[in-house]
N, C-alpha and C. Protein backbone atom coordinates (compact mmCIF):
# COMPACT_ATOMS: atom_id res chain seq x y z
N UNK A 1 61.45 45.37 17.95
CA UNK A 1 62.29 46.77 18.15
C UNK A 1 63.35 45.70 19.52
N UNK A 2 62.98 44.67 19.84
CA UNK A 2 64.11 44.19 20.78
C UNK A 2 65.25 43.35 20.58
N UNK A 3 64.74 42.94 19.25
CA UNK A 3 66.29 42.49 18.23
C UNK A 3 66.97 43.51 17.65
N UNK A 4 65.86 44.81 17.00
CA UNK A 4 66.82 45.79 16.62
C UNK A 4 67.92 46.52 17.56
N UNK A 5 67.79 46.67 19.21
CA UNK A 5 67.94 46.74 20.13
C UNK A 5 69.46 46.48 20.91
N UNK A 6 68.71 44.87 20.79
CA UNK A 6 69.90 44.23 20.50
C UNK A 6 71.35 44.01 19.64
N UNK A 7 70.34 43.89 18.58
CA UNK A 7 71.68 43.99 17.10
C UNK A 7 72.50 45.54 17.28
N UNK A 8 71.90 46.56 17.97
CA UNK A 8 72.78 47.79 17.93
C UNK A 8 73.25 48.04 18.72
N UNK A 9 73.22 47.24 20.45
CA UNK A 9 74.22 46.53 21.31
C UNK A 9 73.49 47.22 21.87
N UNK A 10 72.40 47.75 22.44
CA UNK A 10 71.46 48.14 23.67
C UNK A 10 71.44 48.05 24.34
N UNK A 11 70.93 45.99 24.30
CA UNK A 11 70.58 45.07 24.89
C UNK A 11 71.77 43.96 24.95
N UNK A 12 71.56 43.42 25.78
CA UNK A 12 72.26 42.58 26.19
C UNK A 12 71.59 41.26 26.69
N UNK A 13 71.80 39.89 26.35
CA UNK A 13 70.91 38.76 27.60
C UNK A 13 71.17 39.05 28.76
N UNK A 14 70.47 38.36 29.57
CA UNK A 14 70.41 38.98 31.18
C UNK A 14 72.34 38.17 31.43
N UNK A 15 72.40 36.62 30.85
CA UNK A 15 72.72 35.71 31.22
C UNK A 15 74.41 36.34 31.14
N UNK A 16 75.13 36.91 30.20
CA UNK A 16 75.74 37.56 29.58
C UNK A 16 75.83 38.58 30.74
N UNK A 17 75.02 39.55 31.40
CA UNK A 17 75.41 40.45 31.99
C UNK A 17 75.69 39.64 33.34
N UNK A 18 75.40 38.83 33.93
CA UNK A 18 75.15 38.14 34.88
C UNK A 18 77.13 37.42 34.89
N UNK A 19 76.94 37.31 33.76
CA UNK A 19 78.18 36.29 33.50
C UNK A 19 79.69 37.25 33.98
N UNK A 20 79.47 38.74 33.09
CA UNK A 20 79.71 39.71 33.37
C UNK A 20 80.27 40.59 34.27
N UNK A 21 79.38 40.70 35.00
CA UNK A 21 79.49 41.57 36.51
C UNK A 21 80.04 40.22 37.49
N UNK A 22 79.32 38.77 37.52
CA UNK A 22 80.17 37.92 38.34
C UNK A 22 81.59 37.98 38.47
N UNK A 23 82.16 38.05 36.93
CA UNK A 23 83.88 37.23 36.43
C UNK A 23 84.38 39.10 37.43
N UNK A 24 84.13 39.70 36.87
CA UNK A 24 84.06 41.49 37.41
C UNK A 24 84.30 41.42 39.01
N UNK A 25 83.64 41.09 39.39
CA UNK A 25 83.51 41.03 41.09
C UNK A 25 84.00 40.17 41.87
N UNK A 26 84.06 38.86 40.77
CA UNK A 26 85.44 38.57 41.71
C UNK A 26 86.96 39.09 41.32
N UNK A 27 87.24 39.04 39.95
CA UNK A 27 88.44 39.97 40.27
C UNK A 27 88.73 40.90 41.19
N UNK A 28 87.25 41.70 41.61
CA UNK A 28 87.83 42.54 42.81
C UNK A 28 87.66 42.05 44.12
N UNK A 29 86.97 41.08 44.39
CA UNK A 29 87.71 40.44 45.59
C UNK A 29 89.33 39.49 45.06
N UNK A 30 89.94 38.64 44.20
CA UNK A 30 90.79 38.57 44.63
C UNK A 30 91.26 38.98 44.64
N UNK A 31 91.41 40.72 44.13
CA UNK A 31 92.51 41.31 44.21
C UNK A 31 93.51 41.94 45.62
N UNK A 32 92.08 42.77 46.47
CA UNK A 32 91.86 42.86 47.77
C UNK A 32 92.30 41.67 48.67
N UNK A 33 91.42 40.39 48.00
CA UNK A 33 91.96 39.02 48.88
C UNK A 33 93.82 38.49 48.78
N UNK A 34 94.39 39.64 47.37
CA UNK A 34 96.07 39.99 47.24
C UNK A 34 96.68 40.72 48.20
N UNK A 35 95.92 42.01 48.19
CA UNK A 35 96.50 43.11 48.79
C UNK A 35 96.81 42.70 49.60
N UNK A 36 97.02 42.30 50.94
CA UNK A 36 97.93 42.17 52.64
C UNK A 36 99.18 41.60 52.01
N UNK A 37 98.75 40.47 51.46
CA UNK A 37 100.28 39.80 51.21
C UNK A 37 101.38 40.64 49.90
N UNK A 38 100.24 41.70 49.69
CA UNK A 38 101.04 41.89 48.33
C UNK A 38 102.03 43.38 48.85
N UNK A 39 101.30 43.66 50.10
CA UNK A 39 101.92 45.67 49.87
C UNK A 39 101.49 45.38 51.95
N UNK A 40 101.72 44.63 52.20
CA UNK A 40 102.04 44.82 54.06
C UNK A 40 103.10 44.16 53.90
N UNK A 41 104.12 43.93 53.41
CA UNK A 41 105.48 43.99 53.65
C UNK A 41 105.67 44.95 52.99
N UNK A 42 105.35 45.29 51.82
CA UNK A 42 106.07 46.99 51.58
C UNK A 42 105.46 48.49 52.92
N UNK A 43 104.84 48.24 52.85
CA UNK A 43 104.42 49.06 54.98
C UNK A 43 105.11 48.43 55.24
N UNK A 44 105.68 47.53 55.70
CA UNK A 44 105.67 46.51 56.76
C UNK A 44 106.96 48.21 57.04
N UNK A 45 108.32 47.35 55.60
CA UNK A 45 109.25 48.20 55.87
C UNK A 45 109.89 49.48 55.73
N UNK A 46 108.69 50.28 54.84
CA UNK A 46 108.42 51.25 55.11
C UNK A 46 107.76 52.13 56.52
N UNK A 47 107.40 51.34 57.17
CA UNK A 47 107.11 51.95 58.81
C UNK A 47 108.15 51.21 59.81
N UNK A 48 109.44 50.27 59.11
CA UNK A 48 110.01 49.47 60.05
C UNK A 48 109.54 48.89 61.43
N UNK A 49 108.78 48.13 61.70
CA UNK A 49 107.74 47.14 61.98
C UNK A 49 107.28 45.89 61.19
N UNK A 50 106.55 44.82 62.04
CA UNK A 50 107.30 43.52 61.91
C UNK A 50 106.32 43.13 61.13
N UNK A 51 106.37 42.20 59.62
CA UNK A 51 105.85 42.21 58.29
C UNK A 51 105.20 41.45 58.27
N UNK A 52 104.95 40.50 59.61
CA UNK A 52 104.05 39.33 59.54
C UNK A 52 102.62 39.81 60.63
N UNK A 53 102.52 40.84 61.24
CA UNK A 53 101.49 41.31 62.04
C UNK A 53 100.65 42.76 61.31
N UNK A 54 102.29 42.97 60.63
CA UNK A 54 101.44 44.46 59.66
C UNK A 54 100.26 43.43 58.46
N UNK A 55 100.72 42.21 58.36
CA UNK A 55 99.50 41.38 57.37
C UNK A 55 98.65 41.00 58.46
N UNK A 56 99.40 40.00 58.44
CA UNK A 56 97.68 39.69 59.23
C UNK A 56 96.58 40.36 60.28
N UNK A 57 97.08 41.53 60.76
CA UNK A 57 95.87 42.98 60.73
C UNK A 57 94.77 43.30 59.37
N UNK A 58 96.32 43.53 58.15
CA UNK A 58 94.86 44.09 57.29
C UNK A 58 94.64 42.71 56.05
N UNK A 59 94.52 41.84 56.60
CA UNK A 59 94.10 40.61 56.20
C UNK A 59 92.56 40.37 56.76
N UNK A 60 92.51 40.96 58.02
CA UNK A 60 91.41 40.36 58.88
C UNK A 60 90.72 41.62 58.74
N UNK A 61 91.06 43.13 58.13
CA UNK A 61 90.02 44.07 57.33
C UNK A 61 89.56 44.08 56.03
N UNK A 62 90.68 43.62 56.13
CA UNK A 62 90.00 42.87 53.69
C UNK A 62 88.94 42.07 53.91
N UNK A 63 89.29 41.48 55.01
CA UNK A 63 88.23 39.67 55.29
C UNK A 63 86.53 40.61 55.72
N UNK A 64 86.77 41.70 56.80
CA UNK A 64 85.60 42.28 57.43
C UNK A 64 84.94 43.04 56.29
N UNK A 65 85.90 43.92 55.72
CA UNK A 65 85.33 44.50 54.15
C UNK A 65 84.03 43.83 53.05
N UNK A 66 85.38 42.26 52.88
CA UNK A 66 84.64 42.15 51.88
C UNK A 66 83.08 40.79 52.89
N UNK A 67 83.44 40.77 54.29
CA UNK A 67 81.96 40.33 54.63
C UNK A 67 80.49 41.89 54.51
N UNK A 68 81.35 42.94 54.83
CA UNK A 68 80.47 43.80 55.31
C UNK A 68 79.76 44.45 53.24
N UNK A 69 80.50 44.53 52.74
CA UNK A 69 80.14 44.04 51.51
C UNK A 69 78.69 43.55 50.90
N UNK A 70 79.59 42.03 51.63
CA UNK A 70 78.20 40.72 51.17
C UNK A 70 77.64 40.40 49.38
N UNK A 71 76.58 39.73 49.24
CA UNK A 71 76.29 39.85 47.83
C UNK A 71 75.80 41.20 47.64
N UNK A 72 75.93 41.38 46.37
CA UNK A 72 75.13 42.13 45.73
C UNK A 72 74.23 42.44 45.43
N UNK A 73 72.98 43.65 45.46
CA UNK A 73 71.56 43.10 45.49
C UNK A 73 71.58 44.46 44.02
N UNK A 74 71.46 44.00 43.05
CA UNK A 74 71.11 45.13 42.05
C UNK A 74 70.31 44.83 41.85
N UNK A 75 68.47 45.80 41.74
CA UNK A 75 67.10 46.07 41.72
C UNK A 75 67.58 46.19 40.29
N UNK A 76 67.44 45.90 39.39
CA UNK A 76 67.56 46.74 37.95
C UNK A 76 65.69 46.88 37.58
N UNK A 77 64.87 46.55 38.28
CA UNK A 77 63.89 46.82 38.25
C UNK A 77 63.77 48.51 38.25
N UNK A 78 64.29 48.92 39.52
CA UNK A 78 64.18 50.59 39.73
C UNK A 78 64.81 51.02 38.80
N UNK A 79 65.89 50.93 37.86
CA UNK A 79 66.46 51.76 37.41
C UNK A 79 65.46 52.16 35.76
N UNK A 80 65.24 50.83 35.00
CA UNK A 80 64.09 51.50 34.91
C UNK A 80 62.80 52.30 35.02
N UNK A 81 62.40 52.15 35.92
CA UNK A 81 61.53 53.35 36.55
C UNK A 81 61.97 54.30 36.86
N UNK A 82 63.17 55.14 36.41
CA UNK A 82 63.43 56.14 37.25
C UNK A 82 64.27 57.10 35.77
């Protein structure tokens, strides 16, 4: 039954799922890490403020956000029970 579900695309190997999730989260983290230097100067120009100070402030807040998110703690067993 498991083989049939895997062949139908209903199941994936845990290693594949881990790799996909890891790569997706890394991509999200990288996007956030690049956000301050990409958007900061544009916002500073719109607001008429110093770009370096804004980028520094945004970087601090982005790092705090990423620290708060921490490591994902997925509980797949709970999903099966529900």
